[in-house]
Amino acid sequence: MQENRKLEIRKKANDFRGKCKKGKYGIIDLFQDCKRQEWKLLRYPLGENADLGFTVKKDDDIIIFTNSCSRLSREIFTLAHEIGHVILHLKKDNSFIDNNMTINGKNTDENEQEANYFAACLLMPHEDVSGFIELEMSNPQGKDLSAMDIAGIMSEFKVSFDMALNRLENLSIIDINQKLRLNSEKIEKSVDRLLRSVGGNARLNVYSNEIDIPYEYIDYAIYNYNHNAIPEETLKKVLDCFQLDIEDVRDRIAIRKSDDYTDLDDLIGGLDD
């Protein structure tokens, strides 16, 4: 990636970060910040082996989906990656589907690399990371950081241990040998114990299995049900997310001749069709 493009991405990440609610250094709740953009954010546990997220423009709506079967820190990075696609790449009728390859940076596609760089700049901007290390840690030069220090960075910036290490290496705060040492320390002590030892956010290392579906999605589900695209059971799953049942929307439901099996996972997965 050329330096002038990196600079452009850093500026756009910084502009979006300015719209987010922040703590002393890190973003407090990127999910809420995403909703404030009037984008439609869906969170649903599709399963550990399913895609991690997608972004699609459907008519005038921008829809972002994250798989909440991921650890919360991974889901947050996926959301930041999808926001990158929205700001950097999304045009009319475009869509992006992301899996382990694209989120882990193993995909050589330029758009995916840019979205990952955007996510890193959004979640862990250089100035804030340096400020946190200088002002909040006992070793202000970033030398000889411990795994407990990385757990503190994790908790403040709402990122995974691995993402923190990768970002610190990319910013030249640690070198490859320090990274390997810290990774070994992580394996030995476990991320859960490290987070607890610094009073950090232990939720970052667990699967949230969150179900968060915009209310407008009821209209989408009823439309698909009335056009014989999903069965009643799927419609019930959607309504249940809003503490509703079939009788609450009976006046909007058409009489069906048959039900071909589809489930909520298929319905969500079909948003980009």
C-alpha atoms as a PDB file:
ATOM      1  CA  MET A   1       0.000   0.000   0.000  1.00  0.00           C
ATOM      2  CA  GLN A   2       1.468   3.363  -0.973  1.00  0.00           C
ATOM      3  CA  GLU A   3       2.227   5.897   1.756  1.00  0.00           C
ATOM      4  CA  ASN A   4      -0.104   8.541   0.328  1.00  0.00           C
ATOM      5  CA  ARG A   5      -2.972   6.031   0.389  1.00  0.00           C
ATOM      6  CA  LYS A   6      -2.107   5.092   3.978  1.00  0.00           C
ATOM      7  CA  LEU A   7      -2.217   8.762   4.932  1.00  0.00           C
ATOM      8  CA  GLU A   8      -5.619   9.150   3.272  1.00  0.00           C
ATOM      9  CA  ILE A   9      -6.957   6.124   5.174  1.00  0.00           C
ATOM     10  CA  ARG A  10      -5.555   7.395   8.485  1.00  0.00           C
ATOM     11  CA  LYS A  11      -7.326  10.720   7.935  1.00  0.00           C
ATOM     12  CA  LYS A  12     -10.631   9.021   7.177  1.00  0.00           C
ATOM     13  CA  ALA A  13     -10.291   6.722  10.197  1.00  0.00           C
ATOM     14  CA  ASN A  14      -9.529   9.758  12.357  1.00  0.00           C
ATOM     15  CA  ASP A  15     -12.562  11.608  10.971  1.00  0.00           C
ATOM     16  CA  PHE A  16     -14.840   8.691  11.832  1.00  0.00           C
ATOM     17  CA  ARG A  17     -13.203   8.311  15.244  1.00  0.00           C
ATOM     18  CA  GLY A  18     -14.148  11.924  15.915  1.00  0.00           C
ATOM     19  CA  LYS A  19     -17.800  10.871  15.651  1.00  0.00           C
ATOM     20  CA  CYS A  20     -17.350   8.123  18.245  1.00  0.00           C
ATOM     21  CA  LYS A  21     -17.695   8.355  22.001  1.00  0.00           C
ATOM     22  CA  LYS A  22     -14.297   7.729  23.543  1.00  0.00           C
ATOM     23  CA  GLY A  23     -12.917   7.040  26.966  1.00  0.00           C
ATOM     24  CA  LYS A  24      -9.549   8.458  27.892  1.00  0.00           C
ATOM     25  CA  TYR A  25      -7.928   6.703  24.908  1.00  0.00           C
ATOM     26  CA  GLY A  26     -10.101   4.014  23.321  1.00  0.00           C
ATOM     27  CA  ILE A  27     -13.554   3.964  21.721  1.00  0.00           C
ATOM     28  CA  ILE A  28     -16.193   3.009  24.294  1.00  0.00           C
ATOM     29  CA  ASP A  29     -18.807   1.195  22.164  1.00  0.00           C
ATOM     30  CA  LEU A  30     -18.260   0.981  18.406  1.00  0.00           C
ATOM     31  CA  PHE A  31     -21.580  -0.824  17.937  1.00  0.00           C
ATOM     32  CA  GLN A  32     -23.525   2.175  19.250  1.00  0.00           C
ATOM     33  CA  ASP A  33     -21.371   4.565  17.223  1.00  0.00           C
ATOM     34  CA  CYS A  34     -22.210   2.550  14.102  1.00  0.00           C
ATOM     35  CA  LYS A  35     -25.946   2.819  14.822  1.00  0.00           C
ATOM     36  CA  ARG A  36     -25.677   6.575  15.212  1.00  0.00           C
ATOM     37  CA  GLN A  37     -24.641   6.739  11.546  1.00  0.00           C
ATOM     38  CA  GLU A  38     -28.148   5.513  10.662  1.00  0.00           C
ATOM     39  CA  TRP A  39     -26.685   2.359   9.189  1.00  0.00           C
ATOM     40  CA  LYS A  40     -28.499  -0.897   9.847  1.00  0.00           C
ATOM     41  CA  LEU A  41     -26.337  -3.054  12.105  1.00  0.00           C
ATOM     42  CA  LEU A  42     -27.176  -6.736  12.571  1.00  0.00           C
ATOM     43  CA  ARG A  43     -25.466  -8.962  15.131  1.00  0.00           C
ATOM     44  CA  TYR A  44     -26.346 -12.636  15.132  1.00  0.00           C
ATOM     45  CA  PRO A  45     -24.527 -15.885  16.108  1.00  0.00           C
ATOM     46  CA  LEU A  46     -24.196 -17.681  12.771  1.00  0.00           C
ATOM     47  CA  GLY A  47     -21.662 -20.195  14.127  1.00  0.00           C
ATOM     48  CA  GLU A  48     -17.888 -20.336  14.576  1.00  0.00           C
ATOM     49  CA  ASN A  49     -17.233 -21.604  11.040  1.00  0.00           C
ATOM     50  CA  ALA A  50     -19.464 -19.085   9.269  1.00  0.00           C
ATOM     51  CA  ASP A  51     -18.424 -15.776   7.694  1.00  0.00           C
ATOM     52  CA  LEU A  52     -17.369 -13.123  10.210  1.00  0.00           C
ATOM     53  CA  GLY A  53     -19.236 -10.224   8.654  1.00  0.00           C
ATOM     54  CA  PHE A  54     -20.483  -8.467   5.572  1.00  0.00           C
ATOM     55  CA  THR A  55     -21.356  -5.017   4.270  1.00  0.00           C
ATOM     56  CA  VAL A  56     -23.943  -4.361   1.593  1.00  0.00           C
ATOM     57  CA  LYS A  57     -25.793  -1.396   0.154  1.00  0.00           C
ATOM     58  CA  LYS A  58     -29.428  -2.311  -0.443  1.00  0.00           C
ATOM     59  CA  ASP A  59     -31.472   0.472  -2.060  1.00  0.00           C
ATOM     60  CA  ASP A  60     -30.685   3.494   0.135  1.00  0.00           C
ATOM     61  CA  ASP A  61     -29.693   1.458   3.169  1.00  0.00           C
ATOM     62  CA  ILE A  62     -26.211   0.465   4.309  1.00  0.00           C
ATOM     63  CA  ILE A  63     -26.339  -2.844   6.132  1.00  0.00           C
ATOM     64  CA  ILE A  64     -23.487  -4.175   8.269  1.00  0.00           C
ATOM     65  CA  PHE A  65     -23.580  -7.664   9.747  1.00  0.00           C
ATOM     66  CA  THR A  66     -21.232  -9.174  12.355  1.00  0.00           C
ATOM     67  CA  ASN A  67     -21.173 -12.787  13.509  1.00  0.00           C
ATOM     68  CA  SER A  68     -21.490 -12.677  17.300  1.00  0.00           C
ATOM     69  CA  CYS A  69     -20.141 -16.225  17.624  1.00  0.00           C
ATOM     70  CA  SER A  70     -16.741 -14.531  17.467  1.00  0.00           C
ATOM     71  CA  ARG A  71     -14.997 -13.389  20.623  1.00  0.00           C
ATOM     72  CA  LEU A  72     -16.132  -9.844  21.368  1.00  0.00           C
ATOM     73  CA  SER A  73     -12.702  -8.376  20.562  1.00  0.00           C
ATOM     74  CA  ARG A  74     -12.728 -10.141  17.176  1.00  0.00           C
ATOM     75  CA  GLU A  75     -16.299  -8.976  16.496  1.00  0.00           C
ATOM     76  CA  ILE A  76     -15.300  -5.378  17.265  1.00  0.00           C
ATOM     77  CA  PHE A  77     -12.407  -5.610  14.797  1.00  0.00           C
ATOM     78  CA  THR A  78     -14.760  -7.143  12.200  1.00  0.00           C
ATOM     79  CA  LEU A  79     -17.127  -4.206  12.685  1.00  0.00           C
ATOM     80  CA  ALA A  80     -14.242  -1.731  12.296  1.00  0.00           C
ATOM     81  CA  HIS A  81     -13.205  -3.581   9.113  1.00  0.00           C
ATOM     82  CA  GLU A  82     -16.754  -3.356   7.718  1.00  0.00           C
ATOM     83  CA  ILE A  83     -16.919   0.349   8.557  1.00  0.00           C
ATOM     84  CA  GLY A  84     -13.715   0.668   6.558  1.00  0.00           C
ATOM     85  CA  HIS A  85     -15.446  -0.888   3.553  1.00  0.00           C
ATOM     86  CA  VAL A  86     -18.366   1.523   3.937  1.00  0.00           C
ATOM     87  CA  ILE A  87     -16.150   4.610   4.080  1.00  0.00           C
ATOM     88  CA  LEU A  88     -13.469   3.549   1.610  1.00  0.00           C
ATOM     89  CA  HIS A  89     -15.120   1.258  -0.922  1.00  0.00           C
ATOM     90  CA  LEU A  90     -18.883   0.979  -0.783  1.00  0.00           C
ATOM     91  CA  LYS A  91     -20.617   2.153  -3.903  1.00  0.00           C
ATOM     92  CA  LYS A  92     -24.095   1.493  -5.225  1.00  0.00           C
ATOM     93  CA  ASP A  93     -24.928  -2.236  -5.305  1.00  0.00           C
ATOM     94  CA  ASN A  94     -21.489  -3.164  -3.907  1.00  0.00           C
ATOM     95  CA  SER A  95     -21.074  -5.727  -1.163  1.00  0.00           C
ATOM     96  CA  PHE A  96     -18.219  -7.242   0.813  1.00  0.00           C
ATOM     97  CA  ILE A  97     -18.258 -10.592   2.603  1.00  0.00           C
ATOM     98  CA  ASP A  98     -15.486 -11.240   5.119  1.00  0.00           C
ATOM     99  CA  ASN A  99     -14.127 -14.435   6.630  1.00  0.00           C
ATOM    100  CA  ASN A 100     -11.018 -15.461   8.569  1.00  0.00           C
ATOM    101  CA  MET A 101      -8.804 -14.916   5.526  1.00  0.00           C
ATOM    102  CA  THR A 102      -9.854 -11.311   4.942  1.00  0.00           C
ATOM    103  CA  ILE A 103     -10.023 -10.302   8.614  1.00  0.00           C
ATOM    104  CA  ASN A 104      -6.688 -11.952   9.474  1.00  0.00           C
ATOM    105  CA  GLY A 105      -4.942 -10.037   6.707  1.00  0.00           C
ATOM    106  CA  LYS A 106      -4.079 -13.156   4.697  1.00  0.00           C
ATOM    107  CA  ASN A 107      -6.109 -12.019   1.701  1.00  0.00           C
ATOM    108  CA  THR A 108      -4.020 -10.063  -0.799  1.00  0.00           C
ATOM    109  CA  ASP A 109      -7.001  -8.149  -2.197  1.00  0.00           C
ATOM    110  CA  GLU A 110      -6.235  -4.429  -1.971  1.00  0.00           C
ATOM    111  CA  ASN A 111      -9.673  -3.489  -0.646  1.00  0.00           C
ATOM    112  CA  GLU A 112      -9.383  -6.028   2.175  1.00  0.00           C
ATOM    113  CA  GLN A 113      -5.913  -4.827   3.140  1.00  0.00           C
ATOM    114  CA  GLU A 114      -7.156  -1.239   3.193  1.00  0.00           C
ATOM    115  CA  ALA A 115     -10.159  -2.153   5.353  1.00  0.00           C
ATOM    116  CA  ASN A 116      -7.835  -3.895   7.832  1.00  0.00           C
ATOM    117  CA  TYR A 117      -5.544  -0.866   7.928  1.00  0.00           C
ATOM    118  CA  PHE A 118      -8.547   1.412   8.476  1.00  0.00           C
ATOM    119  CA  ALA A 119      -9.707  -0.802  11.363  1.00  0.00           C
ATOM    120  CA  ALA A 120      -6.281  -0.721  13.013  1.00  0.00           C
ATOM    121  CA  CYS A 121      -6.072   3.073  12.682  1.00  0.00           C
ATOM    122  CA  LEU A 122      -9.620   3.499  13.978  1.00  0.00           C
ATOM    123  CA  LEU A 123      -9.221   1.277  17.044  1.00  0.00           C
ATOM    124  CA  MET A 124      -5.565   1.957  17.893  1.00  0.00           C
ATOM    125  CA  PRO A 125      -4.377   5.291  16.435  1.00  0.00           C
ATOM    126  CA  HIS A 126      -0.661   5.894  16.861  1.00  0.00           C
ATOM    127  CA  GLU A 127      -0.980   9.024  18.980  1.00  0.00           C
ATOM    128  CA  ASP A 128      -3.408   7.468  21.472  1.00  0.00           C
ATOM    129  CA  VAL A 129      -1.445   4.229  21.776  1.00  0.00           C
ATOM    130  CA  SER A 130       1.772   6.147  22.397  1.00  0.00           C
ATOM    131  CA  GLY A 131       0.004   8.383  24.905  1.00  0.00           C
ATOM    132  CA  PHE A 132      -1.398   5.412  26.796  1.00  0.00           C
ATOM    133  CA  ILE A 133       2.014   3.731  27.023  1.00  0.00           C
ATOM    134  CA  GLU A 134       3.772   6.949  28.024  1.00  0.00           C
ATOM    135  CA  LEU A 135       1.264   8.201  30.587  1.00  0.00           C
ATOM    136  CA  GLU A 136      -0.413   5.079  31.957  1.00  0.00           C
ATOM    137  CA  MET A 137       2.389   2.506  32.108  1.00  0.00           C
ATOM    138  CA  SER A 138       5.448   2.161  34.288  1.00  0.00           C
ATOM    139  CA  ASN A 139       7.753   1.807  31.267  1.00  0.00           C
ATOM    140  CA  PRO A 140       6.878   4.895  29.212  1.00  0.00           C
ATOM    141  CA  GLN A 141       9.266   4.095  26.370  1.00  0.00           C
ATOM    142  CA  GLY A 142       7.405   0.856  25.641  1.00  0.00           C
ATOM    143  CA  LYS A 143      10.510  -1.199  26.414  1.00  0.00           C
ATOM    144  CA  ASP A 144      10.163  -4.634  27.971  1.00  0.00           C
ATOM    145  CA  LEU A 145       6.370  -4.596  27.899  1.00  0.00           C
ATOM    146  CA  SER A 146       4.835  -7.531  29.760  1.00  0.00           C
ATOM    147  CA  ALA A 147       1.810  -9.620  28.838  1.00  0.00           C
ATOM    148  CA  MET A 148      -0.049  -7.801  31.636  1.00  0.00           C
ATOM    149  CA  ASP A 149       0.764  -4.510  29.880  1.00  0.00           C
ATOM    150  CA  ILE A 150      -0.708  -5.895  26.654  1.00  0.00           C
ATOM    151  CA  ALA A 151      -3.832  -6.949  28.580  1.00  0.00           C
ATOM    152  CA  GLY A 152      -4.149  -3.347  29.749  1.00  0.00           C
ATOM    153  CA  ILE A 153      -3.875  -2.135  26.154  1.00  0.00           C
ATOM    154  CA  MET A 154      -6.459  -4.745  25.120  1.00  0.00           C
ATOM    155  CA  SER A 155      -8.949  -3.529  27.682  1.00  0.00           C
ATOM    156  CA  GLU A 156      -8.481   0.173  26.944  1.00  0.00           C
ATOM    157  CA  PHE A 157      -8.708  -0.098  23.156  1.00  0.00           C
ATOM    158  CA  LYS A 158     -11.227  -3.017  23.011  1.00  0.00           C
ATOM    159  CA  VAL A 159      -8.998  -5.239  20.874  1.00  0.00           C
ATOM    160  CA  SER A 160      -7.669  -8.789  21.027  1.00  0.00           C
ATOM    161  CA  PHE A 161      -4.249  -9.676  22.402  1.00  0.00           C
ATOM    162  CA  ASP A 162      -3.033 -10.616  18.916  1.00  0.00           C
ATOM    163  CA  MET A 163      -4.351  -7.422  17.362  1.00  0.00           C
ATOM    164  CA  ALA A 164      -2.606  -5.373  20.069  1.00  0.00           C
ATOM    165  CA  LEU A 165       0.695  -7.153  19.346  1.00  0.00           C
ATOM    166  CA  ASN A 166       0.346  -6.709  15.579  1.00  0.00           C
ATOM    167  CA  ARG A 167      -0.441  -3.020  15.916  1.00  0.00           C
ATOM    168  CA  LEU A 168       2.417  -2.389  18.340  1.00  0.00           C
ATOM    169  CA  GLU A 169       4.804  -4.113  15.943  1.00  0.00           C
ATOM    170  CA  ASN A 170       3.492  -2.121  12.974  1.00  0.00           C
ATOM    171  CA  LEU A 171       3.998   1.091  14.941  1.00  0.00           C
ATOM    172  CA  SER A 172       7.574  -0.017  15.772  1.00  0.00           C
ATOM    173  CA  ILE A 173       6.819   0.091  19.491  1.00  0.00           C
ATOM    174  CA  ILE A 174       7.911  -3.543  19.792  1.00  0.00           C
ATOM    175  CA  ASP A 175      10.056  -5.666  17.499  1.00  0.00           C
ATOM    176  CA  ILE A 176       9.516  -9.226  16.294  1.00  0.00           C
ATOM    177  CA  ASN A 177      11.495 -10.744  19.184  1.00  0.00           C
ATOM    178  CA  GLN A 178       9.420  -8.876  21.764  1.00  0.00           C
ATOM    179  CA  LYS A 179       6.279  -9.936  19.947  1.00  0.00           C
ATOM    180  CA  LEU A 180       7.283 -13.595  20.076  1.00  0.00           C
ATOM    181  CA  ARG A 181       8.149 -13.325  23.769  1.00  0.00           C
ATOM    182  CA  LEU A 182       4.829 -11.667  24.597  1.00  0.00           C
ATOM    183  CA  ASN A 183       2.904 -14.233  22.587  1.00  0.00           C
ATOM    184  CA  SER A 184       4.624 -17.046  24.507  1.00  0.00           C
ATOM    185  CA  GLU A 185       3.756 -15.321  27.784  1.00  0.00           C
ATOM    186  CA  LYS A 186       0.146 -15.050  26.641  1.00  0.00           C
ATOM    187  CA  ILE A 187      -0.031 -18.776  25.937  1.00  0.00           C
ATOM    188  CA  GLU A 188       1.514 -19.589  29.297  1.00  0.00           C
ATOM    189  CA  LYS A 189      -0.733 -17.343  31.389  1.00  0.00           C
ATOM    190  CA  SER A 190      -3.938 -17.257  29.239  1.00  0.00           C
ATOM    191  CA  VAL A 191      -5.695 -14.091  28.159  1.00  0.00           C
ATOM    192  CA  ASP A 192      -8.545 -14.538  30.668  1.00  0.00           C
ATOM    193  CA  ARG A 193      -6.141 -14.570  33.621  1.00  0.00           C
ATOM    194  CA  LEU A 194      -4.179 -11.639  32.231  1.00  0.00           C
ATOM    195  CA  LEU A 195      -7.309  -9.526  31.814  1.00  0.00           C
ATOM    196  CA  ARG A 196      -8.470 -10.352  35.333  1.00  0.00           C
ATOM    197  CA  SER A 197      -5.035  -9.523  36.741  1.00  0.00           C
ATOM    198  CA  VAL A 198      -5.239  -5.948  35.410  1.00  0.00           C
ATOM    199  CA  GLY A 199      -8.940  -5.505  36.198  1.00  0.00           C
ATOM    200  CA  GLY A 200      -9.638  -5.399  32.479  1.00  0.00           C
ATOM    201  CA  ASN A 201     -12.716  -6.124  30.414  1.00  0.00           C
ATOM    202  CA  ALA A 202     -12.933  -9.941  30.521  1.00  0.00           C
ATOM    203  CA  ARG A 203     -15.885  -9.872  28.085  1.00  0.00           C
ATOM    204  CA  LEU A 204     -13.446  -9.107  25.270  1.00  0.00           C
ATOM    205  CA  ASN A 205     -12.267 -12.719  25.306  1.00  0.00           C
ATOM    206  CA  VAL A 206     -15.668 -14.455  25.310  1.00  0.00           C
ATOM    207  CA  TYR A 207     -18.279 -15.145  22.656  1.00  0.00           C
ATOM    208  CA  SER A 208     -21.085 -12.638  23.061  1.00  0.00           C
ATOM    209  CA  ASN A 209     -23.684 -14.578  21.007  1.00  0.00           C
ATOM    210  CA  GLU A 210     -25.476 -11.252  20.829  1.00  0.00           C
ATOM    211  CA  ILE A 211     -28.681 -10.967  18.805  1.00  0.00           C
ATOM    212  CA  ASP A 212     -29.239  -7.376  17.725  1.00  0.00           C
ATOM    213  CA  ILE A 213     -31.540  -6.835  14.760  1.00  0.00           C
ATOM    214  CA  PRO A 214     -32.933  -3.425  13.672  1.00  0.00           C
ATOM    215  CA  TYR A 215     -36.686  -3.063  14.135  1.00  0.00           C
ATOM    216  CA  GLU A 216     -37.072  -2.374  10.409  1.00  0.00           C
ATOM    217  CA  TYR A 217     -35.929  -5.941   9.841  1.00  0.00           C
ATOM    218  CA  ILE A 218     -39.434  -7.072  10.838  1.00  0.00           C
ATOM    219  CA  ASP A 219     -40.710  -5.498   7.604  1.00  0.00           C
ATOM    220  CA  TYR A 220     -38.056  -7.369   5.640  1.00  0.00           C
ATOM    221  CA  ALA A 221     -38.955 -10.671   7.332  1.00  0.00           C
ATOM    222  CA  ILE A 222     -42.704 -10.226   6.754  1.00  0.00           C
ATOM    223  CA  TYR A 223     -42.083  -9.317   3.107  1.00  0.00           C
ATOM    224  CA  ASN A 224     -40.020 -12.475   2.601  1.00  0.00           C
ATOM    225  CA  TYR A 225     -42.597 -14.590   4.419  1.00  0.00           C
ATOM    226  CA  ASN A 226     -45.449 -13.218   2.307  1.00  0.00           C
ATOM    227  CA  HIS A 227     -43.448 -13.987  -0.840  1.00  0.00           C
ATOM    228  CA  ASN A 228     -42.853 -17.563   0.264  1.00  0.00           C
ATOM    229  CA  ALA A 229     -39.108 -16.996   0.797  1.00  0.00           C
ATOM    230  CA  ILE A 230     -38.989 -18.052   4.454  1.00  0.00           C
ATOM    231  CA  PRO A 231     -41.149 -20.349   6.647  1.00  0.00           C
ATOM    232  CA  GLU A 232     -43.257 -19.296   9.599  1.00  0.00           C
ATOM    233  CA  GLU A 233     -40.631 -20.625  12.012  1.00  0.00           C
ATOM    234  CA  THR A 234     -38.073 -18.113  10.724  1.00  0.00           C
ATOM    235  CA  LEU A 235     -40.572 -15.274  10.996  1.00  0.00           C
ATOM    236  CA  LYS A 236     -41.251 -16.343  14.585  1.00  0.00           C
ATOM    237  CA  LYS A 237     -37.504 -16.191  15.353  1.00  0.00           C
ATOM    238  CA  VAL A 238     -37.317 -12.623  14.067  1.00  0.00           C
ATOM    239  CA  LEU A 239     -40.423 -11.533  15.976  1.00  0.00           C
ATOM    240  CA  ASP A 240     -39.162 -13.189  19.135  1.00  0.00           C
ATOM    241  CA  CYS A 241     -36.147 -10.871  19.083  1.00  0.00           C
ATOM    242  CA  PHE A 242     -38.609  -8.019  19.681  1.00  0.00           C
ATOM    243  CA  GLN A 243     -40.831  -9.894  22.181  1.00  0.00           C
ATOM    244  CA  LEU A 244     -43.571 -10.194  19.540  1.00  0.00           C
ATOM    245  CA  ASP A 245     -45.458 -13.178  18.189  1.00  0.00           C
ATOM    246  CA  ILE A 246     -47.404 -13.993  15.026  1.00  0.00           C
ATOM    247  CA  GLU A 247     -50.670 -12.623  16.392  1.00  0.00           C
ATOM    248  CA  ASP A 248     -49.107  -9.179  16.846  1.00  0.00           C
ATOM    249  CA  VAL A 249     -48.564  -8.881  13.070  1.00  0.00           C
ATOM    250  CA  ARG A 250     -51.382 -11.112  11.833  1.00  0.00           C
ATOM    251  CA  ASP A 251     -53.007  -8.292   9.839  1.00  0.00           C
ATOM    252  CA  ARG A 252     -49.820  -7.968   7.752  1.00  0.00           C
ATOM    253  CA  ILE A 253     -49.378 -11.650   6.950  1.00  0.00           C
ATOM    254  CA  ALA A 254     -50.578 -13.273   3.730  1.00  0.00           C
ATOM    255  CA  ILE A 255     -52.134 -16.752   3.546  1.00  0.00           C
ATOM    256  CA  ARG A 256     -49.466 -19.267   2.554  1.00  0.00           C
ATOM    257  CA  LYS A 257     -49.913 -22.353   0.404  1.00  0.00           C
ATOM    258  CA  SER A 258     -46.705 -24.106   1.473  1.00  0.00           C
ATOM    259  CA  ASP A 259     -43.520 -23.746   3.537  1.00  0.00           C
ATOM    260  CA  ASP A 260     -40.116 -24.536   2.061  1.00  0.00           C
ATOM    261  CA  TYR A 261     -37.614 -24.840   4.917  1.00  0.00           C
ATOM    262  CA  THR A 262     -35.312 -21.882   5.551  1.00  0.00           C
ATOM    263  CA  ASP A 263     -33.953 -20.681   8.852  1.00  0.00           C
ATOM    264  CA  LEU A 264     -32.891 -17.315  10.263  1.00  0.00           C
ATOM    265  CA  ASP A 265     -29.264 -17.972   9.370  1.00  0.00           C
ATOM    266  CA  ASP A 266     -30.222 -18.337   5.707  1.00  0.00           C
ATOM    267  CA  LEU A 267     -32.356 -15.197   5.866  1.00  0.00           C
ATOM    268  CA  ILE A 268     -29.501 -13.102   7.235  1.00  0.00           C
ATOM    269  CA  GLY A 269     -27.068 -14.691   4.829  1.00  0.00           C
ATOM    270  CA  GLY A 270     -29.341 -13.719   1.958  1.00  0.00           C
ATOM    271  CA  LEU A 271     -29.242  -9.999   2.631  1.00  0.00           C
ATOM    272  CA  ASP A 272     -26.487  -9.504   0.076  1.00  0.00           C
ATOM    273  CA  ASP A 273     -28.365 -11.311  -2.711  1.00  0.00           C
END
